[in-house]
Structure formats: structure tokens, C-alpha cells
C-alpha atoms as a PDB file:
ATOM      1  CA  MET A   1      62.972  68.713  85.236  1.00  0.00           C
ATOM      2  CA  ASN A   2      64.215  72.414  86.143  1.00  0.00           C
ATOM      3  CA  SER A   3      67.952  72.783  86.442  1.00  0.00           C
ATOM      4  CA  SER A   4      68.869  75.164  89.239  1.00  0.00           C
ATOM      5  CA  PRO A   5      70.899  78.149  87.888  1.00  0.00           C
ATOM      6  CA  ALA A   6      74.659  77.704  88.569  1.00  0.00           C
ATOM      7  CA  SER A   7      75.957  79.425  91.543  1.00  0.00           C
ATOM      8  CA  THR A   8      78.246  82.687  91.196  1.00  0.00           C
ATOM      9  CA  PRO A   9      81.648  82.159  93.073  1.00  0.00           C
ATOM     10  CA  SER A  10      82.203  84.270  95.948  1.00  0.00           C
ATOM     11  CA  PRO A  11      84.716  87.120  95.206  1.00  0.00           C
ATOM     12  CA  VAL A  12      88.064  86.657  97.185  1.00  0.00           C
ATOM     13  CA  ARG A  13      88.825  89.767  99.531  1.00  0.00           C
ATOM     14  CA  ILE A  14      92.391  90.164 100.681  1.00  0.00           C
ATOM     15  CA  ALA A  15      93.228  92.723 103.208  1.00  0.00           C
ATOM     16  CA  MET A  16      96.838  93.627 103.100  1.00  0.00           C
ATOM     17  CA  TRP A  17      97.990  94.875 106.336  1.00  0.00           C
ATOM     18  CA  SER A  18     101.023  97.164 106.321  1.00  0.00           C
ATOM     19  CA  GLY A  19     102.697 100.205 108.048  1.00  0.00           C
ATOM     20  CA  PRO A  20     103.572 103.594 106.230  1.00  0.00           C
ATOM     21  CA  ARG A  21     106.661 103.515 103.891  1.00  0.00           C
ATOM     22  CA  ASN A  22     106.418  99.577 103.230  1.00  0.00           C
ATOM     23  CA  ILE A  23     106.112  99.862  99.242  1.00  0.00           C
ATOM     24  CA  SER A  24     102.317  99.225 100.295  1.00  0.00           C
ATOM     25  CA  THR A  25     101.236 101.370  97.240  1.00  0.00           C
ATOM     26  CA  ALA A  26     103.710  99.713  94.931  1.00  0.00           C
ATOM     27  CA  MET A  27     102.027  96.338  95.963  1.00  0.00           C
ATOM     28  CA  MET A  28      98.478  97.807  95.262  1.00  0.00           C
ATOM     29  CA  ARG A  29      99.531  98.908  91.884  1.00  0.00           C
ATOM     30  CA  SER A  30     100.642  95.378  91.388  1.00  0.00           C
ATOM     31  CA  TRP A  31      97.267  94.092  92.372  1.00  0.00           C
ATOM     32  CA  GLY A  32      95.667  96.884  90.547  1.00  0.00           C
ATOM     33  CA  SER A  33      97.220  95.647  87.197  1.00  0.00           C
ATOM     34  CA  ARG A  34      95.126  92.393  87.318  1.00  0.00           C
ATOM     35  CA  ALA A  35      92.045  92.239  85.024  1.00  0.00           C
ATOM     36  CA  ASP A  36      90.218  90.269  87.604  1.00  0.00           C
ATOM     37  CA  THR A  37      90.863  92.612  90.658  1.00  0.00           C
ATOM     38  CA  PHE A  38      89.644  95.797  92.335  1.00  0.00           C
ATOM     39  CA  VAL A  39      91.677  97.795  94.623  1.00  0.00           C
ATOM     40  CA  CYS A  40      90.878  99.969  97.680  1.00  0.00           C
ATOM     41  CA  ASP A  41      93.325 102.539  99.036  1.00  0.00           C
ATOM     42  CA  GLU A  42      93.741 102.915 102.957  1.00  0.00           C
ATOM     43  CA  PRO A  43      89.519 102.870 103.444  1.00  0.00           C
ATOM     44  CA  PHE A  44      90.136 103.732 107.266  1.00  0.00           C
ATOM     45  CA  TYR A  45      92.408 106.570 106.993  1.00  0.00           C
ATOM     46  CA  ALA A  46      89.658 109.336 107.303  1.00  0.00           C
ATOM     47  CA  HIS A  47      88.315 107.369 110.142  1.00  0.00           C
ATOM     48  CA  TYR A  48      91.757 107.488 111.810  1.00  0.00           C
ATOM     49  CA  LEU A  49      92.278 111.109 111.245  1.00  0.00           C
ATOM     50  CA  LYS A  50      89.108 112.231 112.632  1.00  0.00           C
ATOM     51  CA  LYS A  51      89.053 110.141 115.703  1.00  0.00           C
ATOM     52  CA  THR A  52      92.652 110.627 116.485  1.00  0.00           C
ATOM     53  CA  GLY A  53      93.112 113.987 115.564  1.00  0.00           C
ATOM     54  CA  LYS A  54      96.465 113.599 114.026  1.00  0.00           C
ATOM     55  CA  ASP A  55      97.655 116.398 111.873  1.00  0.00           C
ATOM     56  CA  HIS A  56      98.772 114.532 108.817  1.00  0.00           C
ATOM     57  CA  PRO A  57      99.458 116.073 105.305  1.00  0.00           C
ATOM     58  CA  GLY A  58      96.064 116.971 103.747  1.00  0.00           C
ATOM     59  CA  ARG A  59      94.013 115.934 106.854  1.00  0.00           C
ATOM     60  CA  ASP A  60      90.950 118.427 106.263  1.00  0.00           C
ATOM     61  CA  GLU A  61      90.682 117.127 102.247  1.00  0.00           C
ATOM     62  CA  ILE A  62      90.798 113.522 103.584  1.00  0.00           C
ATOM     63  CA  ILE A  63      88.143 113.880 106.023  1.00  0.00           C
ATOM     64  CA  ALA A  64      85.990 115.841 103.615  1.00  0.00           C
ATOM     65  CA  GLN A  65      86.398 113.185 100.819  1.00  0.00           C
ATOM     66  CA  HIS A  66      86.558 109.960 102.439  1.00  0.00           C
ATOM     67  CA  GLU A  67      84.118 107.791 104.468  1.00  0.00           C
ATOM     68  CA  THR A  68      84.863 108.553 108.465  1.00  0.00           C
ATOM     69  CA  ASP A  69      81.946 105.941 109.743  1.00  0.00           C
ATOM     70  CA  TYR A  70      83.876 103.044 110.791  1.00  0.00           C
ATOM     71  CA  ALA A  71      80.842 100.606 110.456  1.00  0.00           C
ATOM     72  CA  LYS A  72      80.012 102.009 106.877  1.00  0.00           C
ATOM     73  CA  VAL A  73      83.607 101.585 105.781  1.00  0.00           C
ATOM     74  CA  VAL A  74      83.476  97.874 106.938  1.00  0.00           C
ATOM     75  CA  ALA A  75      79.786  97.320 104.785  1.00  0.00           C
ATOM     76  CA  LEU A  76      81.853  98.687 101.869  1.00  0.00           C
ATOM     77  CA  LEU A  77      84.577  96.144 102.559  1.00  0.00           C
ATOM     78  CA  THR A  78      82.425  93.105 103.016  1.00  0.00           C
ATOM     79  CA  GLY A  79      79.777  94.051 100.643  1.00  0.00           C
ATOM     80  CA  PRO A  80      79.648  93.834  96.747  1.00  0.00           C
ATOM     81  CA  VAL A  81      82.861  94.244  94.956  1.00  0.00           C
ATOM     82  CA  PRO A  82      82.951  97.370  92.828  1.00  0.00           C
ATOM     83  CA  GLY A  83      83.058  96.125  89.019  1.00  0.00           C
ATOM     84  CA  GLU A  84      81.634  92.778  90.014  1.00  0.00           C
ATOM     85  CA  ARG A  85      85.473  91.797  89.882  1.00  0.00           C
ATOM     86  CA  ALA A  86      86.599  88.367  91.281  1.00  0.00           C
ATOM     87  CA  ILE A  87      89.118  89.849  93.650  1.00  0.00           C
ATOM     88  CA  PHE A  88      88.760  92.679  95.936  1.00  0.00           C
ATOM     89  CA  TYR A  89      92.391  93.872  97.185  1.00  0.00           C
ATOM     90  CA  GLN A  90      92.425  96.103 100.093  1.00  0.00           C
ATOM     91  CA  LYS A  91      95.462  98.087 101.087  1.00  0.00           C
ATOM     92  CA  HIS A  92      95.281  98.631 105.073  1.00  0.00           C
ATOM     93  CA  MET A  93      97.718 100.561 107.347  1.00  0.00           C
ATOM     94  CA  ALA A  94      97.553  98.476 110.679  1.00  0.00           C
ATOM     95  CA  HIS A  95      97.626 101.536 112.580  1.00  0.00           C
ATOM     96  CA  HIS A  96      94.286 102.870 111.067  1.00  0.00           C
ATOM     97  CA  ILE A  97      92.537 100.077 113.380  1.00  0.00           C
ATOM     98  CA  LEU A  98      92.123 101.946 116.816  1.00  0.00           C
ATOM     99  CA  PRO A  99      91.556 100.502 120.221  1.00  0.00           C
ATOM    100  CA  GLY A 100      87.642  99.766 120.432  1.00  0.00           C
ATOM    101  CA  ASP A 101      87.112  99.420 116.752  1.00  0.00           C
ATOM    102  CA  ASN A 102      85.335  95.920 116.092  1.00  0.00           C
ATOM    103  CA  ILE A 103      87.625  93.763 113.935  1.00  0.00           C
ATOM    104  CA  GLY A 104      85.435  90.724 113.734  1.00  0.00           C
ATOM    105  CA  TRP A 105      85.049  91.393 110.219  1.00  0.00           C
ATOM    106  CA  ILE A 106      88.653  90.302 109.420  1.00  0.00           C
ATOM    107  CA  ASP A 107      87.268  86.662 109.370  1.00  0.00           C
ATOM    108  CA  SER A 108      85.346  87.362 105.944  1.00  0.00           C
ATOM    109  CA  VAL A 109      88.631  88.303 104.375  1.00  0.00           C
ATOM    110  CA  ARG A 110      91.850  86.692 103.339  1.00  0.00           C
ATOM    111  CA  ASN A 111      94.734  88.208 105.426  1.00  0.00           C
ATOM    112  CA  ALA A 112      98.407  89.181 104.602  1.00  0.00           C
ATOM    113  CA  PHE A 113     101.068  91.301 105.925  1.00  0.00           C
ATOM    114  CA  LEU A 114     103.572  93.735 104.478  1.00  0.00           C
ATOM    115  CA  ILE A 115     106.690  94.548 106.706  1.00  0.00           C
ATOM    116  CA  ARG A 116     109.969  96.572 105.989  1.00  0.00           C
ATOM    117  CA  ASP A 117     113.235  96.910 107.984  1.00  0.00           C
ATOM    118  CA  PRO A 118     112.609  99.823 110.654  1.00  0.00           C
ATOM    119  CA  HIS A 119     115.914 101.569 109.601  1.00  0.00           C
ATOM    120  CA  GLU A 120     114.463 101.769 105.910  1.00  0.00           C
ATOM    121  CA  MET A 121     110.959 102.544 106.948  1.00  0.00           C
ATOM    122  CA  LEU A 122     112.080 105.357 109.874  1.00  0.00           C
ATOM    123  CA  THR A 123     114.151 107.311 107.749  1.00  0.00           C
ATOM    124  CA  SER A 124     111.639 107.673 105.001  1.00  0.00           C
ATOM    125  CA  LEU A 125     108.551 108.307 107.437  1.00  0.00           C
ATOM    126  CA  ALA A 126     110.345 111.028 109.388  1.00  0.00           C
ATOM    127  CA  LYS A 127     110.240 113.043 105.984  1.00  0.00           C
ATOM    128  CA  VAL A 128     106.614 113.355 106.054  1.00  0.00           C
ATOM    129  CA  ILE A 129     105.872 112.744 109.757  1.00  0.00           C
ATOM    130  CA  PRO A 130     107.881 114.636 112.051  1.00  0.00           C
ATOM    131  CA  ALA A 131     108.838 113.083 115.384  1.00  0.00           C
ATOM    132  CA  PRO A 132     106.794 109.526 114.717  1.00  0.00           C
ATOM    133  CA  SER A 133     105.759 107.387 117.404  1.00  0.00           C
ATOM    134  CA  LEU A 134     105.807 103.755 117.757  1.00  0.00           C
ATOM    135  CA  GLU A 135     101.893 103.651 117.098  1.00  0.00           C
ATOM    136  CA  ASP A 136     102.577 105.660 113.948  1.00  0.00           C
ATOM    137  CA  THR A 137     104.801 102.761 112.350  1.00  0.00           C
ATOM    138  CA  GLY A 138     102.061 100.180 112.545  1.00  0.00           C
ATOM    139  CA  LEU A 139     104.322  97.635 113.871  1.00  0.00           C
ATOM    140  CA  PRO A 140     102.764  97.106 117.433  1.00  0.00           C
ATOM    141  CA  GLN A 141      99.302  96.883 115.547  1.00  0.00           C
ATOM    142  CA  GLN A 142     100.632  94.326 113.028  1.00  0.00           C
ATOM    143  CA  VAL A 143     101.934  92.156 115.809  1.00  0.00           C
ATOM    144  CA  ARG A 144      98.897  92.124 117.425  1.00  0.00           C
ATOM    145  CA  LEU A 145      96.578  91.428 114.473  1.00  0.00           C
ATOM    146  CA  LEU A 146      99.065  88.735 113.681  1.00  0.00           C
ATOM    147  CA  GLY A 147      98.394  86.988 117.036  1.00  0.00           C
ATOM    148  CA  LEU A 148      94.517  87.394 116.555  1.00  0.00           C
ATOM    149  CA  LEU A 149      94.578  85.891 113.161  1.00  0.00           C
ATOM    150  CA  ALA A 150      96.769  83.058 114.570  1.00  0.00           C
ATOM    151  CA  GLY A 151      94.613  82.178 117.204  1.00  0.00           C
ATOM    152  CA  SER A 152      97.178  83.310 119.684  1.00  0.00           C
ATOM    153  CA  GLY A 153      95.716  86.295 121.122  1.00  0.00           C
ATOM    154  CA  GLY A 154      92.237  88.277 121.557  1.00  0.00           C
ATOM    155  CA  ASP A 155      88.994  87.371 122.848  1.00  0.00           C
ATOM    156  CA  LYS A 156      88.748  90.599 124.808  1.00  0.00           C
ATOM    157  CA  ALA A 157      85.246  91.432 125.190  1.00  0.00           C
ATOM    158  CA  GLY A 158      83.782  93.808 122.601  1.00  0.00           C
ATOM    159  CA  ASP A 159      86.535  93.532 119.963  1.00  0.00           C
ATOM    160  CA  GLY A 160      84.855  90.941 117.692  1.00  0.00           C
ATOM    161  CA  ASN A 161      87.177  87.970 118.737  1.00  0.00           C
ATOM    162  CA  GLU A 162      84.948  86.028 120.912  1.00  0.00           C
ATOM    163  CA  GLY A 163      85.142  82.239 120.195  1.00  0.00           C
ATOM    164  CA  ARG A 164      87.763  82.584 117.936  1.00  0.00           C
ATOM    165  CA  GLU A 165      89.337  78.883 116.804  1.00  0.00           C
ATOM    166  CA  PRO A 166      93.017  78.472 118.247  1.00  0.00           C
ATOM    167  CA  GLY A 167      95.790  77.229 116.327  1.00  0.00           C
ATOM    168  CA  ARG A 168      94.761  78.662 112.868  1.00  0.00           C
ATOM    169  CA  ALA A 169      97.714  79.040 110.136  1.00  0.00           C
ATOM    170  CA  THR A 170      99.903  82.220 110.291  1.00  0.00           C
ATOM    171  CA  PRO A 171      98.561  84.561 107.518  1.00  0.00           C
ATOM    172  CA  PRO A 172     101.417  85.196 104.673  1.00  0.00           C
ATOM    173  CA  ILE A 173     104.174  87.762 105.635  1.00  0.00           C
ATOM    174  CA  LEU A 174     106.050  89.547 102.810  1.00  0.00           C
ATOM    175  CA  ASP A 175     109.125  91.841 103.622  1.00  0.00           C
ATOM    176  CA  ALA A 176     109.529  94.611 101.269  1.00  0.00           C
ATOM    177  CA  ARG A 177     113.246  93.944 100.726  1.00  0.00           C
ATOM    178  CA  ASP A 178     112.359  90.286  99.503  1.00  0.00           C
ATOM    179  CA  VAL A 179     109.735  91.608  97.130  1.00  0.00           C
ATOM    180  CA  LEU A 180     112.105  94.466  95.668  1.00  0.00           C
ATOM    181  CA  GLU A 181     114.882  91.562  95.181  1.00  0.00           C
ATOM    182  CA  LYS A 182     112.494  88.791  93.913  1.00  0.00           C
ATOM    183  CA  PRO A 183     109.110  90.352  92.864  1.00  0.00           C
ATOM    184  CA  TRP A 184     107.789  87.354  90.882  1.00  0.00           C
ATOM    185  CA  PRO A 185     108.705  84.275  93.486  1.00  0.00           C
ATOM    186  CA  CYS A 186     107.279  86.606  96.057  1.00  0.00           C
ATOM    187  CA  LEU A 187     104.008  87.566  94.378  1.00  0.00           C
ATOM    188  CA  ARG A 188     103.589  84.014  93.006  1.00  0.00           C
ATOM    189  CA  ALA A 189     104.167  82.789  96.747  1.00  0.00           C
ATOM    190  CA  LEU A 190     101.699  85.074  98.087  1.00  0.00           C
ATOM    191  CA  CYS A 191      98.950  84.305  95.315  1.00  0.00           C
ATOM    192  CA  GLU A 192      99.304  80.558  96.249  1.00  0.00           C
ATOM    193  CA  ARG A 193      98.883  81.066  99.879  1.00  0.00           C
ATOM    194  CA  LEU A 194      96.004  83.374  99.329  1.00  0.00           C
ATOM    195  CA  GLU A 195      94.498  80.669  96.943  1.00  0.00           C
ATOM    196  CA  VAL A 196      94.337  82.995  93.999  1.00  0.00           C
ATOM    197  CA  PRO A 197      95.964  82.400  90.596  1.00  0.00           C
ATOM    198  CA  PRO A 198      99.425  83.972  90.130  1.00  0.00           C
ATOM    199  CA  ASN A 199      99.217  86.344  86.958  1.00  0.00           C
ATOM    200  CA  THR A 200     102.523  88.008  85.646  1.00  0.00           C
ATOM    201  CA  SER A 201     100.335  91.067  84.796  1.00  0.00           C
ATOM    202  CA  MET A 202     101.285  91.884  88.565  1.00  0.00           C
ATOM    203  CA  LEU A 203     105.014  92.503  87.808  1.00  0.00           C
ATOM    204  CA  SER A 204     104.306  95.686  85.874  1.00  0.00           C
ATOM    205  CA  TRP A 205     101.798  98.758  85.432  1.00  0.00           C
ATOM    206  CA  ASP A 206     101.149 101.866  83.932  1.00  0.00           C
ATOM    207  CA  SER A 207     102.813 104.932  85.412  1.00  0.00           C
ATOM    208  CA  GLY A 208     100.526 107.842  86.872  1.00  0.00           C
ATOM    209  CA  PRO A 209      97.866 108.326  89.396  1.00  0.00           C
ATOM    210  CA  ARG A 210      94.806 106.240  89.705  1.00  0.00           C
ATOM    211  CA  GLU A 211      91.137 107.024  90.464  1.00  0.00           C
ATOM    212  CA  THR A 212      91.196 104.483  93.143  1.00  0.00           C
ATOM    213  CA  ASP A 213      93.994 106.572  94.863  1.00  0.00           C
ATOM    214  CA  GLY A 214      93.098 108.210  98.096  1.00  0.00           C
ATOM    215  CA  ALA A 215      93.001 112.134  98.681  1.00  0.00           C
ATOM    216  CA  TRP A 216      96.467 111.654 100.240  1.00  0.00           C
ATOM    217  CA  ALA A 217      98.258 110.693  97.110  1.00  0.00           C
ATOM    218  CA  LYS A 218      99.646 114.182  96.439  1.00  0.00           C
ATOM    219  CA  HIS A 219     101.630 114.082  99.725  1.00  0.00           C
ATOM    220  CA  TRP A 220     102.803 110.410  99.711  1.00  0.00           C
ATOM    221  CA  TYR A 221     102.866 108.752  96.126  1.00  0.00           C
ATOM    222  CA  HIS A 222     105.237 111.014  94.037  1.00  0.00           C
ATOM    223  CA  ALA A 223     107.780 108.121  93.591  1.00  0.00           C
ATOM    224  CA  VAL A 224     105.056 105.387  92.866  1.00  0.00           C
ATOM    225  CA  GLU A 225     103.363 107.717  90.401  1.00  0.00           C
ATOM    226  CA  ARG A 226     106.629 107.593  88.256  1.00  0.00           C
ATOM    227  CA  SER A 227     107.028 103.896  88.763  1.00  0.00           C
ATOM    228  CA  SER A 228     105.835 101.152  86.296  1.00  0.00           C
ATOM    229  CA  GLU A 229     107.330  98.041  88.184  1.00  0.00           C
ATOM    230  CA  PHE A 230     108.957  97.439  91.502  1.00  0.00           C
ATOM    231  CA  ALA A 231     112.281  99.085  91.802  1.00  0.00           C
ATOM    232  CA  GLN A 232     115.267  97.321  92.121  1.00  0.00           C
ATOM    233  CA  TYR A 233     116.198  97.228  95.684  1.00  0.00           C
ATOM    234  CA  LYS A 234     118.969  99.589  97.017  1.00  0.00           C
ATOM    235  CA  PRO A 235     120.111  99.546 100.579  1.00  0.00           C
ATOM    236  CA  LYS A 236     119.915 102.765 102.487  1.00  0.00           C
ATOM    237  CA  HIS A 237     123.052 103.936 103.917  1.00  0.00           C
ATOM    238  CA  GLU A 238     121.318 107.059 105.469  1.00  0.00           C
ATOM    239  CA  PRO A 239     121.801 107.070 109.151  1.00  0.00           C
ATOM    240  CA  ILE A 240     118.723 107.127 111.753  1.00  0.00           C
ATOM    241  CA  PRO A 241     118.400 110.522 113.100  1.00  0.00           C
ATOM    242  CA  GLU A 242     119.711 110.666 116.638  1.00  0.00           C
ATOM    243  CA  GLU A 243     116.294 111.572 117.976  1.00  0.00           C
ATOM    244  CA  LEU A 244     114.769 108.464 116.378  1.00  0.00           C
ATOM    245  CA  GLU A 245     117.242 106.117 117.636  1.00  0.00           C
ATOM    246  CA  PRO A 246     115.130 104.952 120.821  1.00  0.00           C
ATOM    247  CA  LEU A 247     112.062 104.545 118.728  1.00  0.00           C
ATOM    248  CA  TYR A 248     114.246 102.343 116.304  1.00  0.00           C
ATOM    249  CA  GLU A 249     115.182 100.271 119.086  1.00  0.00           C
ATOM    250  CA  GLU A 250     111.385  99.749 119.972  1.00  0.00           C
ATOM    251  CA  CYS A 251     110.821  98.763 116.593  1.00  0.00           C
ATOM    252  CA  ARG A 252     113.443  96.443 115.920  1.00  0.00           C
ATOM    253  CA  PRO A 253     112.130  93.422 118.109  1.00  0.00           C
ATOM    254  CA  LEU A 254     108.667  93.904 116.705  1.00  0.00           C
ATOM    255  CA  TYR A 255     109.758  93.743 113.039  1.00  0.00           C
ATOM    256  CA  GLU A 256     112.011  90.805 113.829  1.00  0.00           C
ATOM    257  CA  GLN A 257     109.107  89.037 115.268  1.00  0.00           C
ATOM    258  CA  LEU A 258     107.511  89.094 112.062  1.00  0.00           C
ATOM    259  CA  PHE A 259     110.216  88.676 109.744  1.00  0.00           C
ATOM    260  CA  GLU A 260     110.937  85.399 111.181  1.00  0.00           C
ATOM    261  CA  LYS A 261     107.609  84.263 110.211  1.00  0.00           C
ATOM    262  CA  ARG A 262     107.902  85.662 106.675  1.00  0.00           C
ATOM    263  CA  LEU A 263     107.349  84.024 103.445  1.00  0.00           C
ATOM    264  CA  ARG A 264     110.704  82.533 102.082  1.00  0.00           C
ATOM    265  CA  VAL A 265     111.075  82.036  98.359  1.00  0.00           C
END
């Protein structure tokens, strides 16, 4: 009798939805330190810049070096994992998904969220993106995505969410401060929720750049390139610039909505 060949386990694809200045690159370093994981850095950034016309640092270089076709990016994210790794960790900025982009593909990945207190996020973001808008923070997009994934929203024709089952469990949400204060408990809880084995290799990494970093790294990654672990949390006492106070007031209720659903460890 011929025995059938053993089936190869399907890779685990993890989409981490963040906003800017949310320790998202350190989190990518953490996952990239696992031998079983391939990481992908903001794959929709070039698409976002080309479609919106936003003048971000390194815009022309980013568009020239990275894929701008949304459908082709989705195909890469849902296709074979580079290096045939067991886990494909995808670092996403939630605001890189634009109105009209079909997000039906998110059902084929395991989704998670990374958030940060808007006081700390805005004072950092404004140093790179002058006069940021609410959309630039990614918070409204995170709230919308969470609603879609939890089955409480969506079903708008053409968004790829028709027929979504209601009442699904809320994806795991990590707060940046919690991660910095309790890295291993947070990482372990995240892995358990994503149904992947926790691995202490996620607690440290080699300093320096990575081949998987995007062309924007030279504008945004100075601190993380010097790092080899999650930094110890230090409260920021820098006041919010007066011109950003109205934006902060818009951000706060969105952040609080996500924060109350975060993983508690």
C-alpha cells in the first residue's frame, strides 16, 4: 500500500497593525530575531505615497524601490513565505490602507494591533511629519479595522467584507508602554493569542540595519538601529505643541477605545 506524503503545515501569517512612532520597528526586530520567522516592513508604504501624493521623507526613493501596485503587494503577503519560514510577520501602518482598497485578504492572516499613548506618539511624529493630521496617526484606521475584524462593522459593498461572520473574538492589542515595561509577559501573551510558540529569542537582537528594512529606514530608524532590546520605558514630559492640542483631543478617545481592549499581563 502506498502511503500518502505528509502534508506541509501552512505558514502562519501575522499582520501587526500599528500607527507611526509606536515601537513598531522594535517589534519587527523582536519577531525577526526568531529563526522560524521572516519579517516584512510596511509593504503598502509605496502604494500609500503614490496614491495620496504625501510628501514624506524619501518619497521618490520609496516609490522607486518598492511595489506600488496594491494587488501585487497583497499577492506577496498571501503567497509563499520567503525562505520557506514557518511564520511571516508583516509590519503594517494602518493608515497605509486607503479607502477603496480591498481588505478581504485580512481573513487569511492572524491580525494584531500595536498602540501608543497619543501624547507620546504625537510629540515624536511631529518631528518627522510637520503638522500631522488625524489620518496620519493611524488611529481612526485602527479602530475601523478592529471593528471589521471583530465583526462589528464593514459590509460596505466593494470592501471585501461581504458575508463576514459577526461576533468573532477581538484581535490582540498591545500597548507600547506595556511592552516596554513588561516585554516578556507581553510577547508571551501575544504569541499565545496568535497561537504560535513563545520564544525568548524575541527579547534581544543584533543592532544595526537589516536587508528587510524599507528605503525609509534612514529617515526613521536611527534609534532602533542602535538598539539590541526593547528600551526601558521612560515617561515623556515634553509638552504637546500648542498647535497639536486639537489633534491630541481627537486622538485621545480613539486611543482609549483601543486601550481598554488591550492585552493585560
